Amino acid sequence: MRPPDKRKGCGSPVERRRPVPDFEITLDLANLDMFQRAAVELGQGKARQLAAWTLNQVGGKLTTAVKRQTAKQLGVPYSDAPASWVIDKAWSGMLQYKITATGKYYSLAHFHPSQFSYGVRAKPWGKSQRFAHAFMLGSEVYARTTAARGPLKKLMGGSIPREMERDAVPFLADAAMDNELPEAMERKLAQFLPW
């Protein structure tokens, strides 16, 4: 474990939380038989272009839904969420759309903290919570780790990668893979094939 570092303006060491591992959602054509048929009838090149276009269309809708859901679950504004995402779009050489959530834990400063006599109140995960014996320095929230003046521990809320693992996000990804992707692929192929 690394020793705590000195933060500017605080005067005492601040403990750091471990980094959050990235979390991925991947859309691909693993179970789509209609792609194989299209590759035979249209040719491999045209079928791959249509598949990439369809993956990007469905993946874009899924990305928006996942961003909205994770921001709602975490309790941060939707405008804060885009900084935590890496999107790898499909192309004819790589028929896979990947959504990767990256990022650190959000400090309690993002969750509207207020100082009270008992400590601090903030709203991580959209619910008002008390943090007894905590205090604010500027907009950040800290707690003492010992009875002495230092060291201080910066209090944190959740993170985008952690929120992707719970609640409705896995269901959104499954619905996109099982329902929306085959339907969109079928609609797109119907424009080119006489099925």
N, C-alpha and C. Protein backbone atom coordinates (compact mmCIF):
# COMPACT_ATOMS: atom_id res chain seq x y z
N MET A 1 0.84 -1.19 0.00
CA MET A 1 0.00 0.00 0.00
C MET A 1 0.88 1.24 0.00
N ARG A 2 0.48 2.23 -0.80
CA ARG A 2 1.25 3.45 -0.87
C ARG A 2 1.04 4.31 0.37
N PRO A 3 2.06 5.04 0.77
CA PRO A 3 1.84 5.95 1.90
C PRO A 3 0.95 7.09 1.46
N PRO A 4 0.19 7.68 2.39
CA PRO A 4 -0.68 8.79 2.02
C PRO A 4 0.14 9.97 1.51
N ASP A 5 -0.41 10.72 0.57
CA ASP A 5 0.31 11.85 0.02
C ASP A 5 -0.18 13.14 0.66
N LYS A 6 0.63 14.18 0.52
CA LYS A 6 0.25 15.49 1.03
C LYS A 6 -0.54 16.22 -0.04
N ARG A 7 -1.71 16.72 0.31
CA ARG A 7 -2.51 17.50 -0.62
C ARG A 7 -2.31 18.98 -0.34
N LYS A 8 -2.25 19.75 -1.38
CA LYS A 8 -2.04 21.18 -1.25
C LYS A 8 -3.21 21.83 -0.52
N GLY A 9 -2.90 22.68 0.43
CA GLY A 9 -3.92 23.45 1.11
C GLY A 9 -4.54 22.75 2.30
N CYS A 10 -4.25 21.49 2.52
CA CYS A 10 -4.88 20.77 3.61
C CYS A 10 -3.96 20.69 4.82
N GLY A 11 -2.67 20.50 4.62
CA GLY A 11 -1.73 20.47 5.71
C GLY A 11 -1.60 19.12 6.38
N SER A 12 -2.43 18.17 6.07
CA SER A 12 -2.29 16.84 6.65
C SER A 12 -2.53 15.81 5.56
N PRO A 13 -2.00 14.58 5.75
CA PRO A 13 -2.13 13.58 4.69
C PRO A 13 -3.58 13.18 4.45
N VAL A 14 -3.88 12.84 3.23
CA VAL A 14 -5.22 12.42 2.85
C VAL A 14 -5.10 10.99 2.30
N GLU A 15 -5.94 10.09 2.77
CA GLU A 15 -5.90 8.73 2.28
C GLU A 15 -6.57 8.65 0.92
N ARG A 16 -6.02 7.81 0.06
CA ARG A 16 -6.60 7.61 -1.27
C ARG A 16 -7.31 6.28 -1.32
N ARG A 17 -8.38 6.23 -2.08
CA ARG A 17 -9.09 4.99 -2.33
C ARG A 17 -8.45 4.27 -3.49
N ARG A 18 -8.57 2.96 -3.53
CA ARG A 18 -8.02 2.19 -4.64
C ARG A 18 -8.75 2.56 -5.93
N PRO A 19 -8.04 2.49 -7.06
CA PRO A 19 -8.70 2.82 -8.32
C PRO A 19 -9.82 1.83 -8.64
N VAL A 20 -10.80 2.32 -9.36
CA VAL A 20 -11.95 1.51 -9.75
C VAL A 20 -11.60 0.74 -11.02
N PRO A 21 -11.82 -0.57 -11.05
CA PRO A 21 -11.57 -1.29 -12.30
C PRO A 21 -12.59 -0.90 -13.36
N ASP A 22 -12.15 -0.91 -14.60
CA ASP A 22 -13.06 -0.58 -15.71
C ASP A 22 -14.12 -1.66 -15.86
N PHE A 23 -15.26 -1.28 -16.42
CA PHE A 23 -16.35 -2.21 -16.66
C PHE A 23 -16.80 -2.05 -18.10
N GLU A 24 -17.03 -3.16 -18.81
CA GLU A 24 -17.36 -3.11 -20.23
C GLU A 24 -18.70 -3.75 -20.53
N ILE A 25 -19.36 -3.20 -21.55
CA ILE A 25 -20.53 -3.82 -22.18
C ILE A 25 -20.17 -3.95 -23.66
N THR A 26 -20.33 -5.15 -24.21
CA THR A 26 -19.95 -5.39 -25.60
C THR A 26 -21.13 -5.93 -26.38
N LEU A 27 -21.40 -5.32 -27.54
CA LEU A 27 -22.39 -5.82 -28.50
C LEU A 27 -21.64 -6.46 -29.65
N ASP A 28 -22.01 -7.68 -30.02
CA ASP A 28 -21.40 -8.31 -31.18
C ASP A 28 -22.41 -9.19 -31.89
N LEU A 29 -22.00 -9.83 -32.96
CA LEU A 29 -22.90 -10.62 -33.80
C LEU A 29 -22.77 -12.11 -33.54
N ALA A 30 -22.42 -12.51 -32.34
CA ALA A 30 -22.14 -13.91 -32.04
C ALA A 30 -23.32 -14.83 -32.32
N ASN A 31 -24.54 -14.40 -32.04
CA ASN A 31 -25.69 -15.30 -32.15
C ASN A 31 -26.63 -14.96 -33.30
N LEU A 32 -26.20 -14.15 -34.22
CA LEU A 32 -27.10 -13.74 -35.29
C LEU A 32 -26.88 -14.58 -36.55
N ASP A 33 -27.83 -15.49 -36.81
CA ASP A 33 -27.76 -16.34 -38.00
C ASP A 33 -28.04 -15.55 -39.27
N MET A 34 -28.83 -14.48 -39.14
CA MET A 34 -29.18 -13.70 -40.34
C MET A 34 -27.96 -13.02 -40.94
N PHE A 35 -26.95 -12.75 -40.13
CA PHE A 35 -25.73 -12.17 -40.67
C PHE A 35 -25.02 -13.16 -41.60
N GLN A 36 -25.02 -14.42 -41.22
CA GLN A 36 -24.38 -15.44 -42.07
C GLN A 36 -25.09 -15.54 -43.43
N ARG A 37 -26.41 -15.50 -43.39
CA ARG A 37 -27.20 -15.57 -44.63
C ARG A 37 -26.94 -14.34 -45.50
N ALA A 38 -26.89 -13.16 -44.85
CA ALA A 38 -26.63 -11.93 -45.59
C ALA A 38 -25.25 -11.95 -46.21
N ALA A 39 -24.27 -12.52 -45.50
CA ALA A 39 -22.91 -12.59 -46.03
C ALA A 39 -22.88 -13.45 -47.29
N VAL A 40 -23.70 -14.49 -47.33
CA VAL A 40 -23.75 -15.36 -48.51
C VAL A 40 -24.43 -14.63 -49.67
N GLU A 41 -25.55 -13.96 -49.41
CA GLU A 41 -26.33 -13.36 -50.49
C GLU A 41 -25.78 -12.01 -50.95
N LEU A 42 -25.27 -11.19 -50.03
CA LEU A 42 -24.77 -9.86 -50.40
C LEU A 42 -23.27 -9.84 -50.65
N GLY A 43 -22.58 -10.79 -50.13
CA GLY A 43 -21.13 -10.75 -50.17
C GLY A 43 -20.60 -10.30 -48.82
N GLN A 44 -19.44 -10.75 -48.48
CA GLN A 44 -18.87 -10.49 -47.15
C GLN A 44 -18.68 -9.00 -46.88
N GLY A 45 -18.18 -8.25 -47.86
CA GLY A 45 -17.89 -6.83 -47.64
C GLY A 45 -19.14 -6.01 -47.34
N LYS A 46 -20.17 -6.15 -48.16
CA LYS A 46 -21.41 -5.39 -47.95
C LYS A 46 -22.11 -5.80 -46.66
N ALA A 47 -22.11 -7.10 -46.36
CA ALA A 47 -22.76 -7.57 -45.13
C ALA A 47 -22.04 -7.03 -43.90
N ARG A 48 -20.71 -6.95 -43.95
CA ARG A 48 -19.96 -6.42 -42.81
C ARG A 48 -20.23 -4.92 -42.62
N GLN A 49 -20.39 -4.17 -43.72
CA GLN A 49 -20.71 -2.75 -43.61
C GLN A 49 -22.09 -2.55 -42.98
N LEU A 50 -23.06 -3.34 -43.41
CA LEU A 50 -24.40 -3.24 -42.85
C LEU A 50 -24.41 -3.62 -41.37
N ALA A 51 -23.66 -4.66 -41.03
CA ALA A 51 -23.60 -5.09 -39.62
C ALA A 51 -22.95 -4.02 -38.75
N ALA A 52 -21.89 -3.40 -39.24
CA ALA A 52 -21.23 -2.33 -38.47
C ALA A 52 -22.17 -1.15 -38.26
N TRP A 53 -22.89 -0.78 -39.33
CA TRP A 53 -23.85 0.32 -39.21
C TRP A 53 -24.92 0.00 -38.17
N THR A 54 -25.44 -1.24 -38.20
CA THR A 54 -26.48 -1.64 -37.25
C THR A 54 -25.94 -1.68 -35.83
N LEU A 55 -24.75 -2.22 -35.64
CA LEU A 55 -24.15 -2.24 -34.30
C LEU A 55 -23.97 -0.83 -33.75
N ASN A 56 -23.52 0.09 -34.59
CA ASN A 56 -23.34 1.47 -34.13
C ASN A 56 -24.66 2.15 -33.81
N GLN A 57 -25.69 1.85 -34.58
CA GLN A 57 -27.00 2.44 -34.31
C GLN A 57 -27.55 1.95 -32.97
N VAL A 58 -27.56 0.64 -32.77
CA VAL A 58 -28.07 0.08 -31.51
C VAL A 58 -27.15 0.44 -30.35
N GLY A 59 -25.84 0.42 -30.59
CA GLY A 59 -24.88 0.77 -29.55
C GLY A 59 -25.01 2.21 -29.09
N GLY A 60 -25.29 3.12 -30.02
CA GLY A 60 -25.50 4.52 -29.64
C GLY A 60 -26.70 4.71 -28.73
N LYS A 61 -27.78 4.02 -29.06
CA LYS A 61 -28.98 4.09 -28.20
C LYS A 61 -28.70 3.48 -26.84
N LEU A 62 -27.97 2.36 -26.82
CA LEU A 62 -27.63 1.72 -25.55
C LEU A 62 -26.72 2.61 -24.72
N THR A 63 -25.77 3.27 -25.36
CA THR A 63 -24.86 4.16 -24.64
C THR A 63 -25.63 5.27 -23.93
N THR A 64 -26.56 5.89 -24.64
CA THR A 64 -27.37 6.95 -24.03
C THR A 64 -28.17 6.43 -22.86
N ALA A 65 -28.80 5.26 -23.02
CA ALA A 65 -29.61 4.69 -21.94
C ALA A 65 -28.75 4.33 -20.73
N VAL A 66 -27.56 3.78 -20.97
CA VAL A 66 -26.68 3.40 -19.86
C VAL A 66 -26.17 4.63 -19.13
N LYS A 67 -25.78 5.68 -19.87
CA LYS A 67 -25.32 6.91 -19.23
C LYS A 67 -26.41 7.53 -18.37
N ARG A 68 -27.62 7.57 -18.90
CA ARG A 68 -28.73 8.14 -18.12
C ARG A 68 -29.00 7.33 -16.86
N GLN A 69 -29.02 6.00 -17.01
CA GLN A 69 -29.33 5.14 -15.87
C GLN A 69 -28.25 5.22 -14.79
N THR A 70 -26.98 5.19 -15.19
CA THR A 70 -25.91 5.23 -14.18
C THR A 70 -25.86 6.59 -13.48
N ALA A 71 -26.08 7.68 -14.22
CA ALA A 71 -26.11 9.00 -13.59
C ALA A 71 -27.27 9.08 -12.60
N LYS A 72 -28.41 8.52 -12.96
CA LYS A 72 -29.57 8.52 -12.07
C LYS A 72 -29.30 7.68 -10.82
N GLN A 73 -28.72 6.48 -11.01
CA GLN A 73 -28.41 5.61 -9.87
C GLN A 73 -27.41 6.27 -8.93
N LEU A 74 -26.40 6.92 -9.50
CA LEU A 74 -25.33 7.51 -8.70
C LEU A 74 -25.77 8.80 -8.03
N GLY A 75 -26.68 9.52 -8.68
CA GLY A 75 -27.16 10.77 -8.10
C GLY A 75 -26.36 11.98 -8.55
N VAL A 76 -25.65 11.86 -9.67
CA VAL A 76 -24.91 12.99 -10.22
C VAL A 76 -25.66 13.51 -11.45
N PRO A 77 -25.43 14.76 -11.83
CA PRO A 77 -26.07 15.26 -13.05
C PRO A 77 -25.60 14.49 -14.27
N TYR A 78 -26.46 14.36 -15.26
CA TYR A 78 -26.14 13.65 -16.50
C TYR A 78 -24.94 14.31 -17.19
N SER A 79 -24.79 15.61 -17.03
CA SER A 79 -23.68 16.32 -17.68
C SER A 79 -22.32 15.92 -17.12
N ASP A 80 -22.27 15.38 -15.89
CA ASP A 80 -21.01 14.92 -15.30
C ASP A 80 -20.61 13.54 -15.80
N ALA A 81 -21.54 12.76 -16.30
CA ALA A 81 -21.28 11.37 -16.65
C ALA A 81 -20.41 11.17 -17.88
N PRO A 82 -20.48 11.98 -18.95
CA PRO A 82 -19.72 11.66 -20.16
C PRO A 82 -18.21 11.56 -20.00
N ALA A 83 -17.63 12.16 -18.98
CA ALA A 83 -16.19 12.11 -18.80
C ALA A 83 -15.70 10.72 -18.42
N SER A 84 -16.60 9.84 -18.03
CA SER A 84 -16.22 8.52 -17.53
C SER A 84 -16.41 7.40 -18.54
N TRP A 85 -16.49 7.71 -19.83
CA TRP A 85 -16.82 6.68 -20.81
C TRP A 85 -15.81 6.65 -21.95
N VAL A 86 -15.56 5.44 -22.45
CA VAL A 86 -14.78 5.25 -23.67
C VAL A 86 -15.63 4.38 -24.58
N ILE A 87 -15.91 4.86 -25.79
CA ILE A 87 -16.76 4.15 -26.73
C ILE A 87 -15.90 3.69 -27.92
N ASP A 88 -15.91 2.40 -28.20
CA ASP A 88 -15.24 1.85 -29.37
C ASP A 88 -16.32 1.40 -30.35
N LYS A 89 -16.47 2.14 -31.44
CA LYS A 89 -17.53 1.82 -32.41
C LYS A 89 -17.10 0.70 -33.34
N ALA A 90 -18.11 0.06 -33.90
CA ALA A 90 -17.87 -1.03 -34.85
C ALA A 90 -17.48 -0.46 -36.20
N TRP A 91 -16.72 -1.21 -36.93
CA TRP A 91 -16.40 -0.91 -38.33
C TRP A 91 -16.30 -2.25 -39.05
N SER A 92 -16.16 -2.21 -40.35
CA SER A 92 -16.24 -3.46 -41.12
C SER A 92 -15.13 -4.44 -40.76
N GLY A 93 -14.03 -3.97 -40.24
CA GLY A 93 -12.95 -4.86 -39.82
C GLY A 93 -13.12 -5.41 -38.41
N MET A 94 -13.95 -4.76 -37.58
CA MET A 94 -14.17 -5.19 -36.19
C MET A 94 -15.65 -5.05 -35.88
N LEU A 95 -16.39 -6.12 -35.96
CA LEU A 95 -17.84 -6.08 -35.76
C LEU A 95 -18.16 -6.24 -34.27
N GLN A 96 -17.87 -5.16 -33.55
CA GLN A 96 -18.08 -5.17 -32.11
C GLN A 96 -18.21 -3.72 -31.64
N TYR A 97 -19.21 -3.43 -30.83
CA TYR A 97 -19.41 -2.11 -30.25
C TYR A 97 -19.16 -2.25 -28.76
N LYS A 98 -18.22 -1.48 -28.24
CA LYS A 98 -17.83 -1.65 -26.83
C LYS A 98 -18.02 -0.35 -26.06
N ILE A 99 -18.70 -0.45 -24.92
CA ILE A 99 -18.88 0.68 -23.99
C ILE A 99 -18.04 0.35 -22.77
N THR A 100 -17.06 1.18 -22.46
CA THR A 100 -16.20 0.96 -21.31
C THR A 100 -16.37 2.11 -20.34
N ALA A 101 -16.71 1.79 -19.11
CA ALA A 101 -16.83 2.80 -18.07
C ALA A 101 -15.49 2.89 -17.35
N THR A 102 -14.95 4.07 -17.30
CA THR A 102 -13.71 4.31 -16.59
C THR A 102 -13.98 5.39 -15.56
N GLY A 103 -13.03 5.69 -14.77
CA GLY A 103 -13.20 6.81 -13.86
C GLY A 103 -12.97 6.43 -12.43
N LYS A 104 -12.91 7.45 -11.63
CA LYS A 104 -12.62 7.31 -10.21
C LYS A 104 -13.92 7.45 -9.42
N TYR A 105 -13.78 7.32 -8.12
CA TYR A 105 -14.90 7.59 -7.23
C TYR A 105 -15.18 9.08 -7.23
N TYR A 106 -16.43 9.45 -7.17
CA TYR A 106 -16.81 10.86 -7.05
C TYR A 106 -16.68 11.25 -5.58
N SER A 107 -16.09 12.40 -5.32
CA SER A 107 -16.02 12.88 -3.94
C SER A 107 -17.41 13.37 -3.53
N LEU A 108 -17.62 13.49 -2.23
CA LEU A 108 -18.94 13.94 -1.75
C LEU A 108 -19.24 15.38 -2.15
N ALA A 109 -18.25 16.10 -2.66
CA ALA A 109 -18.50 17.47 -3.13
C ALA A 109 -19.47 17.49 -4.31
N HIS A 110 -19.59 16.38 -5.06
CA HIS A 110 -20.52 16.29 -6.18
C HIS A 110 -21.96 16.05 -5.74
N PHE A 111 -22.18 15.78 -4.48
CA PHE A 111 -23.51 15.36 -4.00
C PHE A 111 -24.14 16.38 -3.07
N HIS A 112 -23.91 17.65 -3.31
CA HIS A 112 -24.54 18.76 -2.57
C HIS A 112 -24.37 18.62 -1.06
N PRO A 113 -23.15 18.65 -0.55
CA PRO A 113 -22.96 18.51 0.90
C PRO A 113 -23.32 19.81 1.64
N SER A 114 -23.76 19.65 2.88
CA SER A 114 -24.06 20.79 3.75
C SER A 114 -23.52 20.48 5.14
N GLN A 115 -22.91 21.49 5.77
CA GLN A 115 -22.33 21.33 7.10
C GLN A 115 -23.41 21.58 8.16
N PHE A 116 -23.50 20.67 9.14
CA PHE A 116 -24.41 20.81 10.28
C PHE A 116 -23.63 20.57 11.55
N SER A 117 -24.27 20.76 12.69
CA SER A 117 -23.58 20.58 13.97
C SER A 117 -23.17 19.12 14.20
N TYR A 118 -23.91 18.16 13.66
CA TYR A 118 -23.59 16.74 13.86
C TYR A 118 -22.57 16.23 12.85
N GLY A 119 -22.33 16.97 11.79
CA GLY A 119 -21.43 16.54 10.73
C GLY A 119 -21.86 17.11 9.40
N VAL A 120 -21.93 16.26 8.39
CA VAL A 120 -22.26 16.70 7.03
C VAL A 120 -23.41 15.85 6.51
N ARG A 121 -24.25 16.47 5.72
CA ARG A 121 -25.32 15.76 5.02
C ARG A 121 -25.07 15.92 3.52
N ALA A 122 -25.17 14.79 2.80
CA ALA A 122 -24.99 14.81 1.34
C ALA A 122 -25.96 13.80 0.75
N LYS A 123 -26.07 13.80 -0.59
CA LYS A 123 -27.04 12.92 -1.27
C LYS A 123 -26.39 12.00 -2.30
N PRO A 124 -25.44 11.14 -1.86
CA PRO A 124 -24.94 10.16 -2.83
C PRO A 124 -26.02 9.12 -3.12
N TRP A 125 -26.04 8.61 -4.33
CA TRP A 125 -27.02 7.63 -4.79
C TRP A 125 -28.45 8.17 -4.69
N GLY A 126 -28.60 9.53 -4.70
CA GLY A 126 -29.90 10.15 -4.72
C GLY A 126 -30.63 10.13 -3.39
N LYS A 127 -29.98 9.69 -2.32
CA LYS A 127 -30.62 9.61 -1.00
C LYS A 127 -29.83 10.45 -0.01
N SER A 128 -30.54 11.24 0.77
CA SER A 128 -29.89 12.07 1.77
C SER A 128 -29.33 11.21 2.89
N GLN A 129 -28.04 11.41 3.18
CA GLN A 129 -27.37 10.62 4.22
C GLN A 129 -26.58 11.53 5.14
N ARG A 130 -26.50 11.13 6.41
CA ARG A 130 -25.70 11.86 7.39
C ARG A 130 -24.32 11.23 7.48
N PHE A 131 -23.32 12.08 7.58
CA PHE A 131 -21.95 11.64 7.80
C PHE A 131 -21.49 12.28 9.10
N ALA A 132 -21.72 11.55 10.19
CA ALA A 132 -21.44 12.06 11.53
C ALA A 132 -19.95 12.34 11.69
N HIS A 133 -19.64 13.41 12.39
CA HIS A 133 -18.27 13.82 12.71
C HIS A 133 -17.45 14.20 11.48
N ALA A 134 -18.09 14.33 10.35
CA ALA A 134 -17.39 14.80 9.16
C ALA A 134 -17.45 16.32 9.13
N PHE A 135 -16.59 16.93 8.34
CA PHE A 135 -16.58 18.39 8.22
C PHE A 135 -16.15 18.76 6.80
N MET A 136 -16.44 19.99 6.46
CA MET A 136 -16.14 20.47 5.11
C MET A 136 -14.96 21.43 5.14
N LEU A 137 -14.06 21.25 4.19
CA LEU A 137 -12.98 22.20 3.91
C LEU A 137 -13.20 22.65 2.48
N GLY A 138 -13.66 23.86 2.31
CA GLY A 138 -14.08 24.31 0.98
C GLY A 138 -15.34 23.55 0.60
N SER A 139 -15.32 22.88 -0.53
CA SER A 139 -16.49 22.10 -0.92
C SER A 139 -16.29 20.60 -0.66
N GLU A 140 -15.08 20.20 -0.27
CA GLU A 140 -14.78 18.78 -0.01
C GLU A 140 -15.17 18.39 1.40
N VAL A 141 -15.44 17.09 1.58
CA VAL A 141 -15.87 16.56 2.87
C VAL A 141 -14.78 15.62 3.39
N TYR A 142 -14.39 15.82 4.67
CA TYR A 142 -13.34 15.02 5.29
C TYR A 142 -13.81 14.47 6.63
N ALA A 143 -13.12 13.45 7.08
CA ALA A 143 -13.34 12.90 8.42
C ALA A 143 -11.97 12.60 9.00
N ARG A 144 -11.86 12.70 10.32
CA ARG A 144 -10.59 12.39 10.97
C ARG A 144 -10.48 10.87 11.15
N THR A 145 -9.28 10.36 10.97
CA THR A 145 -9.07 8.92 11.14
C THR A 145 -8.61 8.57 12.55
N THR A 146 -8.13 9.58 13.29
CA THR A 146 -7.72 9.38 14.69
C THR A 146 -8.26 10.53 15.51
N ALA A 147 -8.01 10.49 16.82
CA ALA A 147 -8.47 11.57 17.70
C ALA A 147 -7.61 12.82 17.52
N ALA A 148 -6.44 12.68 16.94
CA ALA A 148 -5.57 13.82 16.71
C ALA A 148 -6.08 14.64 15.52
N ARG A 149 -5.38 15.75 15.25
CA ARG A 149 -5.80 16.62 14.15
C ARG A 149 -5.66 15.95 12.79
N GLY A 150 -4.73 15.09 12.62
CA GLY A 150 -4.54 14.42 11.34
C GLY A 150 -4.25 12.97 11.58
N PRO A 151 -4.24 12.16 10.63
CA PRO A 151 -4.51 12.39 9.22
C PRO A 151 -6.01 12.49 8.92
N LEU A 152 -6.31 13.04 7.78
CA LEU A 152 -7.69 13.20 7.34
C LEU A 152 -8.01 12.20 6.24
N LYS A 153 -9.27 11.82 6.17
CA LYS A 153 -9.73 10.91 5.13
C LYS A 153 -10.79 11.66 4.32
N LYS A 154 -10.56 11.74 3.01
CA LYS A 154 -11.52 12.39 2.13
C LYS A 154 -12.67 11.41 1.89
N LEU A 155 -13.90 11.84 2.13
CA LEU A 155 -15.05 10.96 1.96
C LEU A 155 -15.52 10.96 0.51
N MET A 156 -15.83 9.76 0.02
CA MET A 156 -16.18 9.59 -1.38
C MET A 156 -17.55 8.95 -1.51
N GLY A 157 -18.16 9.16 -2.67
CA GLY A 157 -19.42 8.50 -3.01
C GLY A 157 -19.14 7.32 -3.92
N GLY A 158 -19.97 7.11 -4.92
CA GLY A 158 -19.82 5.98 -5.83
C GLY A 158 -19.01 6.33 -7.06
N SER A 159 -18.99 5.38 -8.00
CA SER A 159 -18.29 5.59 -9.27
C SER A 159 -19.13 4.99 -10.40
N ILE A 160 -18.91 5.48 -11.60
CA ILE A 160 -19.66 5.02 -12.77
C ILE A 160 -19.44 3.53 -13.04
N PRO A 161 -18.19 3.01 -13.04
CA PRO A 161 -18.02 1.57 -13.30
C PRO A 161 -18.75 0.68 -12.30
N ARG A 162 -18.77 1.07 -11.04
CA ARG A 162 -19.48 0.28 -10.02
C ARG A 162 -20.98 0.29 -10.25
N GLU A 163 -21.51 1.43 -10.71
CA GLU A 163 -22.95 1.52 -10.93
C GLU A 163 -23.39 0.72 -12.15
N MET A 164 -22.47 0.47 -13.09
CA MET A 164 -22.84 -0.32 -14.27
C MET A 164 -23.10 -1.77 -13.92
N GLU A 165 -22.59 -2.22 -12.80
CA GLU A 165 -22.74 -3.62 -12.41
C GLU A 165 -24.07 -3.90 -11.74
N ARG A 166 -24.81 -2.88 -11.35
CA ARG A 166 -26.02 -3.13 -10.56
C ARG A 166 -27.27 -2.48 -11.15
N ASP A 167 -28.36 -2.78 -10.53
CA ASP A 167 -29.69 -2.27 -10.88
C ASP A 167 -30.07 -2.57 -12.33
N ALA A 168 -30.47 -1.55 -13.08
CA ALA A 168 -31.07 -1.79 -14.40
C ALA A 168 -30.08 -1.86 -15.55
N VAL A 169 -28.83 -1.49 -15.35
CA VAL A 169 -27.88 -1.44 -16.46
C VAL A 169 -27.65 -2.80 -17.12
N PRO A 170 -27.44 -3.89 -16.36
CA PRO A 170 -27.29 -5.19 -17.04
C PRO A 170 -28.52 -5.59 -17.85
N PHE A 171 -29.71 -5.22 -17.38
CA PHE A 171 -30.93 -5.54 -18.12
C PHE A 171 -31.02 -4.74 -19.42
N LEU A 172 -30.55 -3.49 -19.40
CA LEU A 172 -30.52 -2.68 -20.62
C LEU A 172 -29.61 -3.32 -21.66
N ALA A 173 -28.45 -3.79 -21.22
CA ALA A 173 -27.50 -4.41 -22.15
C ALA A 173 -28.06 -5.72 -22.71
N ASP A 174 -28.68 -6.52 -21.86
CA ASP A 174 -29.26 -7.78 -22.34
C ASP A 174 -30.39 -7.54 -23.33
N ALA A 175 -31.23 -6.54 -23.06
CA ALA A 175 -32.34 -6.22 -23.97
C ALA A 175 -31.82 -5.76 -25.32
N ALA A 176 -30.75 -4.97 -25.31
CA ALA A 176 -30.18 -4.50 -26.57
C ALA A 176 -29.61 -5.66 -27.37
N MET A 177 -28.95 -6.57 -26.70
CA MET A 177 -28.33 -7.70 -27.39
C MET A 177 -29.36 -8.71 -27.89
N ASP A 178 -30.36 -8.99 -27.07
CA ASP A 178 -31.32 -10.04 -27.40
C ASP A 178 -32.48 -9.57 -28.28
N ASN A 179 -32.91 -8.31 -28.12
CA ASN A 179 -34.10 -7.83 -28.83
C ASN A 179 -33.79 -6.78 -29.89
N GLU A 180 -33.17 -5.68 -29.47
CA GLU A 180 -33.01 -4.55 -30.38
C GLU A 180 -32.04 -4.83 -31.52
N LEU A 181 -30.92 -5.50 -31.23
CA LEU A 181 -29.94 -5.76 -32.28
C LEU A 181 -30.48 -6.67 -33.39
N PRO A 182 -31.12 -7.80 -33.06
CA PRO A 182 -31.68 -8.61 -34.15
C PRO A 182 -32.76 -7.89 -34.96
N GLU A 183 -33.61 -7.10 -34.28
CA GLU A 183 -34.65 -6.37 -34.99
C GLU A 183 -34.06 -5.32 -35.93
N ALA A 184 -33.07 -4.58 -35.44
CA ALA A 184 -32.44 -3.55 -36.28
C ALA A 184 -31.70 -4.18 -37.45
N MET A 185 -31.06 -5.31 -37.21
CA MET A 185 -30.34 -6.00 -38.29
C MET A 185 -31.32 -6.51 -39.34
N GLU A 186 -32.44 -7.02 -38.89
CA GLU A 186 -33.45 -7.53 -39.81
C GLU A 186 -34.02 -6.39 -40.66
N ARG A 187 -34.31 -5.24 -40.05
CA ARG A 187 -34.83 -4.09 -40.79
C ARG A 187 -33.83 -3.61 -41.84
N LYS A 188 -32.57 -3.54 -41.45
CA LYS A 188 -31.55 -3.05 -42.38
C LYS A 188 -31.34 -4.03 -43.52
N LEU A 189 -31.31 -5.31 -43.22
CA LEU A 189 -31.11 -6.30 -44.28
C LEU A 189 -32.32 -6.39 -45.20
N ALA A 190 -33.51 -6.09 -44.70
CA ALA A 190 -34.72 -6.13 -45.53
C ALA A 190 -34.67 -5.08 -46.64
N GLN A 191 -33.89 -4.04 -46.45
CA GLN A 191 -33.75 -3.03 -47.49
C GLN A 191 -32.94 -3.54 -48.68
N PHE A 192 -32.11 -4.56 -48.42
CA PHE A 192 -31.21 -5.03 -49.47
C PHE A 192 -31.52 -6.45 -49.96
N LEU A 193 -32.23 -7.23 -49.14
CA LEU A 193 -32.50 -8.62 -49.50
C LEU A 193 -34.00 -8.87 -49.67
N PRO A 194 -34.39 -9.70 -50.61
CA PRO A 194 -35.82 -10.01 -50.81
C PRO A 194 -36.24 -11.18 -49.91
N TRP A 195 -36.30 -10.97 -48.57
CA TRP A 195 -36.68 -12.04 -47.64
C TRP A 195 -38.17 -12.09 -47.51
